[in-house]
């Protein structure tokens, strides 16, 4: 089909986000790398300090500081798609004991959706 429907595009983006979620839950960046463009970036706050940069920073944290979290759960809160650009929000509980809200920007490049940037919020313990 030359013109994918919104549902097809939505499901393709869900598949990309699922790779990210699986890699986080299993503490294995190799599982999430296919979801990201190699030039992707990540940014967030550590206290009041801006942290981030190249997406390799995320992979390093996943592989070295996180543990497999079979209890992890994630919800795709929203996906907004316009042509070849999209944004998504994913809320995740119990990733190595943390709770995150992630915002992703995605682009459809050569017919494939990929994450080009991620910003995140780490929730405080209740």
PDB file of N, CA and C in Angstrom:
ATOM      1  N   UNK A   1       0.851  -1.174   0.000  1.00  0.00           N
ATOM      2  CA  UNK A   1       0.000   0.000   0.000  1.00  0.00           C
ATOM      3  C   UNK A   1       0.898   1.239   0.000  1.00  0.00           C
ATOM      4  N   UNK A   2       0.686   2.129  -0.963  1.00  0.00           N
ATOM      5  CA  UNK A   2       1.571   3.280  -1.099  1.00  0.00           C
ATOM      6  C   UNK A   2       1.302   4.376  -0.077  1.00  0.00           C
ATOM      7  N   UNK A   3       0.058   4.495   0.382  1.00  0.00           N
ATOM      8  CA  UNK A   3      -0.271   5.500   1.384  1.00  0.00           C
ATOM      9  C   UNK A   3      -0.777   4.808   2.646  1.00  0.00           C
ATOM     10  N   UNK A   4       0.123   4.573   3.599  1.00  0.00           N
ATOM     11  CA  UNK A   4      -0.309   3.889   4.828  1.00  0.00           C
ATOM     12  C   UNK A   4      -1.397   4.675   5.554  1.00  0.00           C
ATOM     13  N   UNK A   5      -2.274   3.958   6.191  1.00  0.00           N
ATOM     14  CA  UNK A   5      -3.326   4.593   6.977  1.00  0.00           C
ATOM     15  C   UNK A   5      -2.766   5.041   8.322  1.00  0.00           C
ATOM     16  N   UNK A   6      -3.524   5.872   9.005  1.00  0.00           N
ATOM     17  CA  UNK A   6      -3.118   6.305  10.340  1.00  0.00           C
ATOM     18  C   UNK A   6      -2.913   5.102  11.250  1.00  0.00           C
ATOM     19  N   UNK A   7      -3.801   4.121  11.170  1.00  0.00           N
ATOM     20  CA  UNK A   7      -3.689   2.930  12.024  1.00  0.00           C
ATOM     21  C   UNK A   7      -2.387   2.187  11.733  1.00  0.00           C
ATOM     22  N   UNK A   8      -2.042   2.058  10.465  1.00  0.00           N
ATOM     23  CA  UNK A   8      -0.779   1.383  10.123  1.00  0.00           C
ATOM     24  C   UNK A   8       0.429   2.161  10.652  1.00  0.00           C
ATOM     25  N   UNK A   9       0.399   3.470  10.513  1.00  0.00           N
ATOM     26  CA  UNK A   9       1.502   4.290  11.024  1.00  0.00           C
ATOM     27  C   UNK A   9       1.573   4.198  12.548  1.00  0.00           C
ATOM     28  N   UNK A  10       0.422   4.293  13.196  1.00  0.00           N
ATOM     29  CA  UNK A  10       0.357   4.184  14.646  1.00  0.00           C
ATOM     30  C   UNK A  10       0.968   2.856  15.109  1.00  0.00           C
ATOM     31  N   UNK A  11       0.560   1.764  14.493  1.00  0.00           N
ATOM     32  CA  UNK A  11       1.068   0.446  14.885  1.00  0.00           C
ATOM     33  C   UNK A  11       2.562   0.308  14.628  1.00  0.00           C
ATOM     34  N   UNK A  12       3.056   0.928  13.563  1.00  0.00           N
ATOM     35  CA  UNK A  12       4.500   0.899  13.290  1.00  0.00           C
ATOM     36  C   UNK A  12       5.259   1.653  14.383  1.00  0.00           C
ATOM     37  N   UNK A  13       4.719   2.759  14.851  1.00  0.00           N
ATOM     38  CA  UNK A  13       5.358   3.521  15.930  1.00  0.00           C
ATOM     39  C   UNK A  13       5.286   2.748  17.240  1.00  0.00           C
ATOM     40  N   UNK A  14       4.167   2.100  17.506  1.00  0.00           N
ATOM     41  CA  UNK A  14       4.057   1.258  18.707  1.00  0.00           C
ATOM     42  C   UNK A  14       5.145   0.188  18.691  1.00  0.00           C
ATOM     43  N   UNK A  15       5.419  -0.402  17.536  1.00  0.00           N
ATOM     44  CA  UNK A  15       6.467  -1.428  17.433  1.00  0.00           C
ATOM     45  C   UNK A  15       7.839  -0.847  17.785  1.00  0.00           C
ATOM     46  N   UNK A  16       8.114   0.370  17.343  1.00  0.00           N
ATOM     47  CA  UNK A  16       9.385   1.037  17.672  1.00  0.00           C
ATOM     48  C   UNK A  16       9.468   1.286  19.179  1.00  0.00           C
ATOM     49  N   UNK A  17       8.407   1.833  19.747  1.00  0.00           N
ATOM     50  CA  UNK A  17       8.400   2.123  21.184  1.00  0.00           C
ATOM     51  C   UNK A  17       8.495   0.840  22.006  1.00  0.00           C
ATOM     52  N   UNK A  18       7.954  -0.241  21.507  1.00  0.00           N
ATOM     53  CA  UNK A  18       8.036  -1.528  22.210  1.00  0.00           C
ATOM     54  C   UNK A  18       9.471  -2.031  22.297  1.00  0.00           C
ATOM     55  N   UNK A  19      10.279  -1.758  21.267  1.00  0.00           N
ATOM     56  CA  UNK A  19      11.708  -2.129  21.321  1.00  0.00           C
ATOM     57  C   UNK A  19      12.394  -1.371  22.459  1.00  0.00           C
ATOM     58  N   UNK A  20      12.083  -0.088  22.572  1.00  0.00           N
ATOM     59  CA  UNK A  20      12.638   0.716  23.652  1.00  0.00           C
ATOM     60  C   UNK A  20      12.217   0.148  25.005  1.00  0.00           C
ATOM     61  N   UNK A  21      10.921  -0.124  25.163  1.00  0.00           N
ATOM     62  CA  UNK A  21      10.410  -0.638  26.436  1.00  0.00           C
ATOM     63  C   UNK A  21      11.030  -1.985  26.786  1.00  0.00           C
ATOM     64  N   UNK A  22      11.178  -2.860  25.808  1.00  0.00           N
ATOM     65  CA  UNK A  22      11.766  -4.175  26.067  1.00  0.00           C
ATOM     66  C   UNK A  22      13.220  -4.049  26.518  1.00  0.00           C
ATOM     67  N   UNK A  23      13.988  -3.196  25.846  1.00  0.00           N
ATOM     68  CA  UNK A  23      15.382  -2.998  26.229  1.00  0.00           C
ATOM     69  C   UNK A  23      15.524  -2.458  27.633  1.00  0.00           C
ATOM     70  N   UNK A  24      14.641  -1.544  28.029  1.00  0.00           N
ATOM     71  CA  UNK A  24      14.677  -1.010  29.389  1.00  0.00           C
ATOM     72  C   UNK A  24      14.328  -2.063  30.413  1.00  0.00           C
ATOM     73  N   UNK A  25      13.283  -2.821  30.157  1.00  0.00           N
ATOM     74  CA  UNK A  25      12.841  -3.847  31.111  1.00  0.00           C
ATOM     75  C   UNK A  25      13.872  -4.959  31.265  1.00  0.00           C
ATOM     76  N   UNK A  26      14.579  -5.270  30.189  1.00  0.00           N
ATOM     77  CA  UNK A  26      15.572  -6.349  30.245  1.00  0.00           C
ATOM     78  C   UNK A  26      16.982  -5.830  30.523  1.00  0.00           C
ATOM     79  N   UNK A  27      17.117  -4.507  30.686  1.00  0.00           N
ATOM     80  CA  UNK A  27      18.418  -3.872  30.932  1.00  0.00           C
ATOM     81  C   UNK A  27      19.430  -4.280  29.862  1.00  0.00           C
ATOM     82  N   UNK A  28      19.005  -4.187  28.610  1.00  0.00           N
ATOM     83  CA  UNK A  28      19.835  -4.608  27.475  1.00  0.00           C
ATOM     84  C   UNK A  28      19.663  -3.593  26.348  1.00  0.00           C
ATOM     85  N   UNK A  29      20.637  -2.713  26.196  1.00  0.00           N
ATOM     86  CA  UNK A  29      20.513  -1.655  25.190  1.00  0.00           C
ATOM     87  C   UNK A  29      20.484  -2.210  23.772  1.00  0.00           C
ATOM     88  N   UNK A  30      21.042  -3.394  23.539  1.00  0.00           N
ATOM     89  CA  UNK A  30      21.033  -3.971  22.195  1.00  0.00           C
ATOM     90  C   UNK A  30      19.598  -4.172  21.696  1.00  0.00           C
ATOM     91  N   UNK A  31      18.662  -4.383  22.618  1.00  0.00           N
ATOM     92  CA  UNK A  31      17.266  -4.578  22.230  1.00  0.00           C
ATOM     93  C   UNK A  31      16.599  -3.272  21.824  1.00  0.00           C
ATOM     94  N   UNK A  32      17.069  -2.153  22.389  1.00  0.00           N
ATOM     95  CA  UNK A  32      16.440  -0.868  22.081  1.00  0.00           C
ATOM     96  C   UNK A  32      17.143  -0.095  20.976  1.00  0.00           C
ATOM     97  N   UNK A  33      18.396  -0.410  20.693  1.00  0.00           N
ATOM     98  CA  UNK A  33      19.147   0.355  19.684  1.00  0.00           C
ATOM     99  C   UNK A  33      18.440   0.449  18.335  1.00  0.00           C
ATOM    100  N   UNK A  34      17.780  -0.614  17.853  1.00  0.00           N
ATOM    101  CA  UNK A  34      17.104  -0.494  16.553  1.00  0.00           C
ATOM    102  C   UNK A  34      15.986   0.553  16.526  1.00  0.00           C
ATOM    103  N   UNK A  35      15.500   0.982  17.677  1.00  0.00           N
ATOM    104  CA  UNK A  35      14.438   1.987  17.732  1.00  0.00           C
ATOM    105  C   UNK A  35      14.969   3.394  17.481  1.00  0.00           C
ATOM    106  N   UNK A  36      16.276   3.604  17.646  1.00  0.00           N
ATOM    107  CA  UNK A  36      16.863   4.938  17.607  1.00  0.00           C
ATOM    108  C   UNK A  36      17.703   5.170  16.360  1.00  0.00           C
ATOM    109  N   UNK A  37      17.664   6.384  15.864  1.00  0.00           N
ATOM    110  CA  UNK A  37      18.613   6.823  14.857  1.00  0.00           C
ATOM    111  C   UNK A  37      19.970   6.942  15.537  1.00  0.00           C
ATOM    112  N   UNK A  38      21.033   6.654  14.828  1.00  0.00           N
ATOM    113  CA  UNK A  38      22.365   6.697  15.456  1.00  0.00           C
ATOM    114  C   UNK A  38      22.756   8.097  15.912  1.00  0.00           C
ATOM    115  N   UNK A  39      22.102   9.130  15.391  1.00  0.00           N
ATOM    116  CA  UNK A  39      22.384  10.508  15.809  1.00  0.00           C
ATOM    117  C   UNK A  39      21.401  11.019  16.860  1.00  0.00           C
ATOM    118  N   UNK A  40      20.562  10.144  17.388  1.00  0.00           N
ATOM    119  CA  UNK A  40      19.548  10.549  18.369  1.00  0.00           C
ATOM    120  C   UNK A  40      20.200  11.132  19.621  1.00  0.00           C
ATOM    121  N   UNK A  41      19.395  11.907  20.331  1.00  0.00           N
ATOM    122  CA  UNK A  41      19.861  12.523  21.573  1.00  0.00           C
ATOM    123  C   UNK A  41      18.906  12.195  22.710  1.00  0.00           C
ATOM    124  N   UNK A  42      19.411  12.381  23.927  1.00  0.00           N
ATOM    125  CA  UNK A  42      18.622  12.198  25.141  1.00  0.00           C
ATOM    126  C   UNK A  42      18.952  13.341  26.093  1.00  0.00           C
ATOM    127  N   UNK A  43      17.913  13.882  26.737  1.00  0.00           N
ATOM    128  CA  UNK A  43      18.117  14.928  27.740  1.00  0.00           C
ATOM    129  C   UNK A  43      17.107  14.778  28.860  1.00  0.00           C
ATOM    130  N   UNK A  44      17.526  15.154  30.049  1.00  0.00           N
ATOM    131  CA  UNK A  44      16.670  15.160  31.225  1.00  0.00           C
ATOM    132  C   UNK A  44      17.363  15.952  32.315  1.00  0.00           C
ATOM    133  N   UNK A  45      16.781  15.931  33.488  1.00  0.00           N
ATOM    134  CA  UNK A  45      17.364  16.631  34.632  1.00  0.00           C
ATOM    135  C   UNK A  45      17.802  15.629  35.686  1.00  0.00           C
ATOM    136  N   UNK A  46      18.951  15.887  36.270  1.00  0.00           N
ATOM    137  CA  UNK A  46      19.418  15.178  37.457  1.00  0.00           C
ATOM    138  C   UNK A  46      19.399  16.228  38.557  1.00  0.00           C
ATOM    139  N   UNK A  47      18.336  16.212  39.359  1.00  0.00           N
ATOM    140  CA  UNK A  47      18.113  17.316  40.286  1.00  0.00           C
ATOM    141  C   UNK A  47      17.755  18.537  39.467  1.00  0.00           C
ATOM    142  N   UNK A  48      18.576  19.580  39.524  1.00  0.00           N
ATOM    143  CA  UNK A  48      18.337  20.763  38.697  1.00  0.00           C
ATOM    144  C   UNK A  48      19.352  20.873  37.563  1.00  0.00           C
ATOM    145  N   UNK A  49      20.186  19.840  37.390  1.00  0.00           N
ATOM    146  CA  UNK A  49      21.228  19.859  36.361  1.00  0.00           C
ATOM    147  C   UNK A  49      20.766  19.175  35.085  1.00  0.00           C
ATOM    148  N   UNK A  50      20.927  19.864  33.955  1.00  0.00           N
ATOM    149  CA  UNK A  50      20.626  19.284  32.653  1.00  0.00           C
ATOM    150  C   UNK A  50      21.680  18.229  32.324  1.00  0.00           C
ATOM    151  N   UNK A  51      21.218  17.026  31.980  1.00  0.00           N
ATOM    152  CA  UNK A  51      22.128  15.950  31.597  1.00  0.00           C
ATOM    153  C   UNK A  51      21.656  15.378  30.269  1.00  0.00           C
ATOM    154  N   UNK A  52      22.599  14.831  29.534  1.00  0.00           N
ATOM    155  CA  UNK A  52      22.223  14.193  28.277  1.00  0.00           C
ATOM    156  C   UNK A  52      23.276  14.367  27.224  1.00  0.00           C
ATOM    157  N   UNK A  53      22.832  14.225  25.984  1.00  0.00           N
ATOM    158  CA  UNK A  53      23.718  14.304  24.838  1.00  0.00           C
ATOM    159  C   UNK A  53      23.419  13.167  23.890  1.00  0.00           C
ATOM    160  N   UNK A  54      24.459  12.565  23.327  1.00  0.00           N
ATOM    161  CA  UNK A  54      24.256  11.472  22.383  1.00  0.00           C
ATOM    162  C   UNK A  54      23.511  10.294  23.029  1.00  0.00           C
ATOM    163  N   UNK A  55      22.763   9.570  22.226  1.00  0.00           N
ATOM    164  CA  UNK A  55      21.948   8.460  22.735  1.00  0.00           C
ATOM    165  C   UNK A  55      22.810   7.364  23.367  1.00  0.00           C
ATOM    166  N   UNK A  56      24.079   7.319  23.054  1.00  0.00           N
ATOM    167  CA  UNK A  56      24.969   6.344  23.691  1.00  0.00           C
ATOM    168  C   UNK A  56      24.934   6.493  25.206  1.00  0.00           C
ATOM    169  N   UNK A  57      24.681   7.705  25.694  1.00  0.00           N
ATOM    170  CA  UNK A  57      24.570   7.915  27.144  1.00  0.00           C
ATOM    171  C   UNK A  57      23.461   7.051  27.736  1.00  0.00           C
ATOM    172  N   UNK A  58      22.330   6.936  27.030  1.00  0.00           N
ATOM    173  CA  UNK A  58      21.247   6.065  27.493  1.00  0.00           C
ATOM    174  C   UNK A  58      21.692   4.612  27.493  1.00  0.00           C
ATOM    175  N   UNK A  59      22.323   4.183  26.413  1.00  0.00           N
ATOM    176  CA  UNK A  59      22.769   2.788  26.328  1.00  0.00           C
ATOM    177  C   UNK A  59      23.718   2.440  27.467  1.00  0.00           C
ATOM    178  N   UNK A  60      24.621   3.355  27.796  1.00  0.00           N
ATOM    179  CA  UNK A  60      25.575   3.112  28.876  1.00  0.00           C
ATOM    180  C   UNK A  60      24.860   2.938  30.216  1.00  0.00           C
ATOM    181  N   UNK A  61      23.866   3.772  30.483  1.00  0.00           N
ATOM    182  CA  UNK A  61      23.110   3.658  31.737  1.00  0.00           C
ATOM    183  C   UNK A  61      22.336   2.342  31.769  1.00  0.00           C
ATOM    184  N   UNK A  62      21.663   2.028  30.680  1.00  0.00           N
ATOM    185  CA  UNK A  62      20.880   0.782  30.621  1.00  0.00           C
ATOM    186  C   UNK A  62      21.770  -0.424  30.891  1.00  0.00           C
ATOM    187  N   UNK A  63      22.923  -0.476  30.251  1.00  0.00           N
ATOM    188  CA  UNK A  63      23.800  -1.649  30.351  1.00  0.00           C
ATOM    189  C   UNK A  63      24.592  -1.719  31.649  1.00  0.00           C
ATOM    190  N   UNK A  64      24.889  -0.572  32.258  1.00  0.00           N
ATOM    191  CA  UNK A  64      25.793  -0.568  33.414  1.00  0.00           C
ATOM    192  C   UNK A  64      25.137  -0.254  34.748  1.00  0.00           C
ATOM    193  N   UNK A  65      24.013   0.452  34.733  1.00  0.00           N
ATOM    194  CA  UNK A  65      23.414   0.873  36.003  1.00  0.00           C
ATOM    195  C   UNK A  65      22.047   0.246  36.262  1.00  0.00           C
ATOM    196  N   UNK A  66      21.411  -0.261  35.240  1.00  0.00           N
ATOM    197  CA  UNK A  66      20.079  -0.845  35.413  1.00  0.00           C
ATOM    198  C   UNK A  66      20.178  -2.352  35.559  1.00  0.00           C
ATOM    199  N   UNK A  67      19.121  -2.932  36.133  1.00  0.00           N
ATOM    200  CA  UNK A  67      19.034  -4.378  36.278  1.00  0.00           C
ATOM    201  C   UNK A  67      17.778  -4.846  35.555  1.00  0.00           C
ATOM    202  N   UNK A  68      17.738  -6.086  35.110  1.00  0.00           N
ATOM    203  CA  UNK A  68      16.498  -6.577  34.507  1.00  0.00           C
ATOM    204  C   UNK A  68      15.328  -6.373  35.468  1.00  0.00           C
ATOM    205  N   UNK A  69      14.216  -5.924  34.918  1.00  0.00           N
ATOM    206  CA  UNK A  69      13.045  -5.569  35.722  1.00  0.00           C
ATOM    207  C   UNK A  69      11.799  -6.247  35.151  1.00  0.00           C
ATOM    208  N   UNK A  70      11.624  -7.545  35.456  1.00  0.00           N
ATOM    209  CA  UNK A  70      10.447  -8.235  34.909  1.00  0.00           C
ATOM    210  C   UNK A  70       9.130  -7.653  35.405  1.00  0.00           C
ATOM    211  N   UNK A  71       9.175  -6.889  36.490  1.00  0.00           N
ATOM    212  CA  UNK A  71       7.969  -6.265  37.031  1.00  0.00           C
ATOM    213  C   UNK A  71       7.623  -4.951  36.326  1.00  0.00           C
ATOM    214  N   UNK A  72       8.456  -4.506  35.395  1.00  0.00           N
ATOM    215  CA  UNK A  72       8.242  -3.233  34.713  1.00  0.00           C
ATOM    216  C   UNK A  72       6.953  -3.247  33.899  1.00  0.00           C
ATOM    217  N   UNK A  73       6.281  -2.114  33.911  1.00  0.00           N
ATOM    218  CA  UNK A  73       5.098  -1.927  33.075  1.00  0.00           C
ATOM    219  C   UNK A  73       5.219  -0.580  32.378  1.00  0.00           C
ATOM    220  N   UNK A  74       4.654  -0.520  31.178  1.00  0.00           N
ATOM    221  CA  UNK A  74       4.713   0.724  30.409  1.00  0.00           C
ATOM    222  C   UNK A  74       3.376   0.960  29.734  1.00  0.00           C
ATOM    223  N   UNK A  75       3.044   2.238  29.585  1.00  0.00           N
ATOM    224  CA  UNK A  75       1.836   2.630  28.873  1.00  0.00           C
ATOM    225  C   UNK A  75       2.192   3.703  27.854  1.00  0.00           C
ATOM    226  N   UNK A  76       1.779   3.472  26.629  1.00  0.00           N
ATOM    227  CA  UNK A  76       1.902   4.512  25.614  1.00  0.00           C
ATOM    228  C   UNK A  76       0.710   5.434  25.813  1.00  0.00           C
ATOM    229  N   UNK A  77       0.990   6.612  26.320  1.00  0.00           N
ATOM    230  CA  UNK A  77      -0.062   7.557  26.698  1.00  0.00           C
ATOM    231  C   UNK A  77      -0.656   8.239  25.468  1.00  0.00           C
ATOM    232  N   UNK A  78       0.207   8.583  24.524  1.00  0.00           N
ATOM    233  CA  UNK A  78      -0.281   9.209  23.300  1.00  0.00           C
ATOM    234  C   UNK A  78       0.747   9.093  22.191  1.00  0.00           C
ATOM    235  N   UNK A  79       0.231   9.131  20.982  1.00  0.00           N
ATOM    236  CA  UNK A  79       1.057   9.227  19.781  1.00  0.00           C
ATOM    237  C   UNK A  79       0.383  10.237  18.877  1.00  0.00           C
ATOM    238  N   UNK A  80       1.148  11.203  18.408  1.00  0.00           N
ATOM    239  CA  UNK A  80       0.643  12.232  17.509  1.00  0.00           C
ATOM    240  C   UNK A  80       1.456  12.135  16.217  1.00  0.00           C
ATOM    241  N   UNK A  81       0.773  11.937  15.090  1.00  0.00           N
ATOM    242  CA  UNK A  81       1.451  11.712  13.814  1.00  0.00           C
ATOM    243  C   UNK A  81       0.978  12.745  12.799  1.00  0.00           C
ATOM    244  N   UNK A  82       1.944  13.378  12.123  1.00  0.00           N
ATOM    245  CA  UNK A  82       1.649  14.265  11.009  1.00  0.00           C
ATOM    246  C   UNK A  82       2.664  13.946   9.918  1.00  0.00           C
ATOM    247  N   UNK A  83       2.210  13.291   8.852  1.00  0.00           N
ATOM    248  CA  UNK A  83       3.099  12.950   7.746  1.00  0.00           C
ATOM    249  C   UNK A  83       4.246  12.068   8.203  1.00  0.00           C
ATOM    250  N   UNK A  84       5.471  12.570   8.072  1.00  0.00           N
ATOM    251  CA  UNK A  84       6.665  11.790   8.427  1.00  0.00           C
ATOM    252  C   UNK A  84       7.224  12.162   9.797  1.00  0.00           C
ATOM    253  N   UNK A  85       6.477  12.934  10.575  1.00  0.00           N
ATOM    254  CA  UNK A  85       6.910  13.336  11.917  1.00  0.00           C
ATOM    255  C   UNK A  85       5.895  12.852  12.942  1.00  0.00           C
ATOM    256  N   UNK A  86       6.402  12.489  14.114  1.00  0.00           N
ATOM    257  CA  UNK A  86       5.516  12.029  15.185  1.00  0.00           C
ATOM    258  C   UNK A  86       6.143  12.331  16.537  1.00  0.00           C
ATOM    259  N   UNK A  87       5.282  12.412  17.537  1.00  0.00           N
ATOM    260  CA  UNK A  87       5.748  12.504  18.914  1.00  0.00           C
ATOM    261  C   UNK A  87       4.954  11.499  19.727  1.00  0.00           C
ATOM    262  N   UNK A  88       5.563  11.053  20.820  1.00  0.00           N
ATOM    263  CA  UNK A  88       4.912  10.050  21.671  1.00  0.00           C
ATOM    264  C   UNK A  88       5.302  10.284  23.118  1.00  0.00           C
ATOM    265  N   UNK A  89       4.377   9.897  23.999  1.00  0.00           N
ATOM    266  CA  UNK A  89       4.633   9.915  25.439  1.00  0.00           C
ATOM    267  C   UNK A  89       4.466   8.495  25.951  1.00  0.00           C
ATOM    268  N   UNK A  90       5.461   8.046  26.731  1.00  0.00           N
ATOM    269  CA  UNK A  90       5.416   6.722  27.341  1.00  0.00           C
ATOM    270  C   UNK A  90       5.687   6.876  28.831  1.00  0.00           C
ATOM    271  N   UNK A  91       4.799   6.338  29.656  1.00  0.00           N
ATOM    272  CA  UNK A  91       5.009   6.303  31.103  1.00  0.00           C
ATOM    273  C   UNK A  91       5.404   4.890  31.493  1.00  0.00           C
ATOM    274  N   UNK A  92       6.447   4.768  32.309  1.00  0.00           N
ATOM    275  CA  UNK A  92       6.980   3.471  32.699  1.00  0.00           C
ATOM    276  C   UNK A  92       7.124   3.402  34.211  1.00  0.00           C
ATOM    277  N   UNK A  93       6.693   2.289  34.781  1.00  0.00           N
ATOM    278  CA  UNK A  93       6.840   2.027  36.213  1.00  0.00           C
ATOM    279  C   UNK A  93       7.799   0.869  36.425  1.00  0.00           C
ATOM    280  N   UNK A  94       8.562   0.959  37.503  1.00  0.00           N
ATOM    281  CA  UNK A  94       9.391  -0.155  37.991  1.00  0.00           C
ATOM    282  C   UNK A  94      10.511  -0.573  37.049  1.00  0.00           C
ATOM    283  N   UNK A  95      11.165   0.400  36.432  1.00  0.00           N
ATOM    284  CA  UNK A  95      12.396   0.109  35.685  1.00  0.00           C
ATOM    285  C   UNK A  95      13.538   0.306  36.671  1.00  0.00           C
ATOM    286  N   UNK A  96      14.102  -0.789  37.139  1.00  0.00           N
ATOM    287  CA  UNK A  96      15.171  -0.741  38.150  1.00  0.00           C
ATOM    288  C   UNK A  96      14.747   0.113  39.343  1.00  0.00           C
ATOM    289  N   UNK A  97      13.462   0.053  39.684  1.00  0.00           N
ATOM    290  CA  UNK A  97      12.951   0.784  40.838  1.00  0.00           C
ATOM    291  C   UNK A  97      12.581   2.230  40.553  1.00  0.00           C
ATOM    292  N   UNK A  98      12.676   2.663  39.312  1.00  0.00           N
ATOM    293  CA  UNK A  98      12.365   4.046  38.944  1.00  0.00           C
ATOM    294  C   UNK A  98      11.050   4.118  38.185  1.00  0.00           C
ATOM    295  N   UNK A  99      10.497   5.323  38.153  1.00  0.00           N
ATOM    296  CA  UNK A  99       9.294   5.611  37.364  1.00  0.00           C
ATOM    297  C   UNK A  99       9.616   6.802  36.472  1.00  0.00           C
ATOM    298  N   UNK A 100       9.387   6.647  35.168  1.00  0.00           N
ATOM    299  CA  UNK A 100       9.748   7.660  34.185  1.00  0.00           C
ATOM    300  C   UNK A 100       8.557   8.067  33.335  1.00  0.00           C
ATOM    301  N   UNK A 101       8.590   9.298  32.870  1.00  0.00           N
ATOM    302  CA  UNK A 101       7.777   9.737  31.747  1.00  0.00           C
ATOM    303  C   UNK A 101       8.754  10.161  30.664  1.00  0.00           C
ATOM    304  N   UNK A 102       8.612   9.549  29.499  1.00  0.00           N
ATOM    305  CA  UNK A 102       9.494   9.822  28.362  1.00  0.00           C
ATOM    306  C   UNK A 102       8.690  10.480  27.251  1.00  0.00           C
ATOM    307  N   UNK A 103       9.304  11.455  26.609  1.00  0.00           N
ATOM    308  CA  UNK A 103       8.739  12.087  25.421  1.00  0.00           C
ATOM    309  C   UNK A 103       9.695  11.825  24.268  1.00  0.00           C
ATOM    310  N   UNK A 104       9.164  11.265  23.193  1.00  0.00           N
ATOM    311  CA  UNK A 104       9.969  10.894  22.035  1.00  0.00           C
ATOM    312  C   UNK A 104       9.549  11.704  20.819  1.00  0.00           C
ATOM    313  N   UNK A 105      10.520  12.082  20.012  1.00  0.00           N
ATOM    314  CA  UNK A 105      10.259  12.616  18.676  1.00  0.00           C
ATOM    315  C   UNK A 105      10.744  11.567  17.690  1.00  0.00           C
ATOM    316  N   UNK A 106       9.898  11.274  16.723  1.00  0.00           N
ATOM    317  CA  UNK A 106      10.204  10.251  15.726  1.00  0.00           C
ATOM    318  C   UNK A 106      10.085  10.841  14.328  1.00  0.00           C
ATOM    319  N   UNK A 107      10.866  10.296  13.407  1.00  0.00           N
ATOM    320  CA  UNK A 107      10.777  10.627  11.993  1.00  0.00           C
ATOM    321  C   UNK A 107      10.677   9.341  11.187  1.00  0.00           C
ATOM    322  N   UNK A 108       9.970   9.408  10.083  1.00  0.00           N
ATOM    323  CA  UNK A 108       9.890   8.272   9.172  1.00  0.00           C
ATOM    324  C   UNK A 108      10.912   8.503   8.072  1.00  0.00           C
ATOM    325  N   UNK A 109      11.996   7.734   8.121  1.00  0.00           N
ATOM    326  CA  UNK A 109      13.105   7.882   7.196  1.00  0.00           C
ATOM    327  C   UNK A 109      13.182   6.612   6.348  1.00  0.00           C
ATOM    328  N   UNK A 110      13.178   6.783   5.036  1.00  0.00           N
ATOM    329  CA  UNK A 110      13.227   5.642   4.110  1.00  0.00           C
ATOM    330  C   UNK A 110      12.170   4.603   4.461  1.00  0.00           C
ATOM    331  N   UNK A 111      10.976   5.077   4.835  1.00  0.00           N
ATOM    332  CA  UNK A 111       9.857   4.186   5.110  1.00  0.00           C
ATOM    333  C   UNK A 111       9.841   3.557   6.486  1.00  0.00           C
ATOM    334  N   UNK A 112      10.792   3.916   7.357  1.00  0.00           N
ATOM    335  CA  UNK A 112      10.878   3.324   8.700  1.00  0.00           C
ATOM    336  C   UNK A 112      10.839   4.411   9.761  1.00  0.00           C
ATOM    337  N   UNK A 113      10.004   4.190  10.786  1.00  0.00           N
ATOM    338  CA  UNK A 113       9.959   5.110  11.918  1.00  0.00           C
ATOM    339  C   UNK A 113      11.152   4.878  12.827  1.00  0.00           C
ATOM    340  N   UNK A 114      11.731   5.973  13.316  1.00  0.00           N
ATOM    341  CA  UNK A 114      12.849   5.880  14.257  1.00  0.00           C
ATOM    342  C   UNK A 114      12.799   7.049  15.221  1.00  0.00           C
ATOM    343  N   UNK A 115      13.277   6.799  16.429  1.00  0.00           N
ATOM    344  CA  UNK A 115      13.359   7.853  17.435  1.00  0.00           C
ATOM    345  C   UNK A 115      14.590   8.704  17.150  1.00  0.00           C
ATOM    346  N   UNK A 116      14.385  10.028  17.109  1.00  0.00           N
ATOM    347  CA  UNK A 116      15.516  10.931  16.894  1.00  0.00           C
ATOM    348  C   UNK A 116      15.854  11.736  18.148  1.00  0.00           C
ATOM    349  N   UNK A 117      14.908  11.782  19.110  1.00  0.00           N
ATOM    350  CA  UNK A 117      15.235  12.439  20.374  1.00  0.00           C
ATOM    351  C   UNK A 117      14.312  11.936  21.477  1.00  0.00           C
ATOM    352  N   UNK A 118      14.872  11.963  22.675  1.00  0.00           N
ATOM    353  CA  UNK A 118      14.133  11.563  23.870  1.00  0.00           C
ATOM    354  C   UNK A 118      14.432  12.583  24.958  1.00  0.00           C
ATOM    355  N   UNK A 119      13.371  13.073  25.608  1.00  0.00           N
ATOM    356  CA  UNK A 119      13.537  13.798  26.860  1.00  0.00           C
ATOM    357  C   UNK A 119      12.736  13.049  27.893  1.00  0.00           C
ATOM    358  N   UNK A 120      13.148  13.168  29.149  1.00  0.00           N
ATOM    359  CA  UNK A 120      12.498  12.370  30.176  1.00  0.00           C
ATOM    360  C   UNK A 120      12.366  13.123  31.491  1.00  0.00           C
ATOM    361  N   UNK A 121      11.440  12.626  32.296  1.00  0.00           N
ATOM    362  CA  UNK A 121      11.258  13.092  33.659  1.00  0.00           C
ATOM    363  C   UNK A 121      11.324  11.863  34.555  1.00  0.00           C
ATOM    364  N   UNK A 122      12.141  11.935  35.594  1.00  0.00           N
ATOM    365  CA  UNK A 122      12.209  10.868  36.595  1.00  0.00           C
ATOM    366  C   UNK A 122      11.332  11.283  37.758  1.00  0.00           C
ATOM    367  N   UNK A 123      10.332  10.464  38.046  1.00  0.00           N
ATOM    368  CA  UNK A 123       9.416  10.775  39.144  1.00  0.00           C
ATOM    369  C   UNK A 123      10.068  10.471  40.490  1.00  0.00           C
ATOM    370  N   UNK A 124       9.740  11.268  41.484  1.00  0.00           N
ATOM    371  CA  UNK A 124      10.245  11.021  42.819  1.00  0.00           C
ATOM    372  C   UNK A 124       9.463   9.877  43.451  1.00  0.00           C
ATOM    373  N   UNK A 125      10.066   9.200  44.399  1.00  0.00           N
ATOM    374  CA  UNK A 125       9.386   8.115  45.111  1.00  0.00           C
ATOM    375  C   UNK A 125       8.279   8.693  45.956  1.00  0.00           C
ATOM    376  N   UNK A 126       7.144   7.990  45.953  1.00  0.00           N
ATOM    377  CA  UNK A 126       6.010   8.452  46.751  1.00  0.00           C
ATOM    378  C   UNK A 126       6.075   7.911  48.163  1.00  0.00           C
TER     379      UNK A 126
END
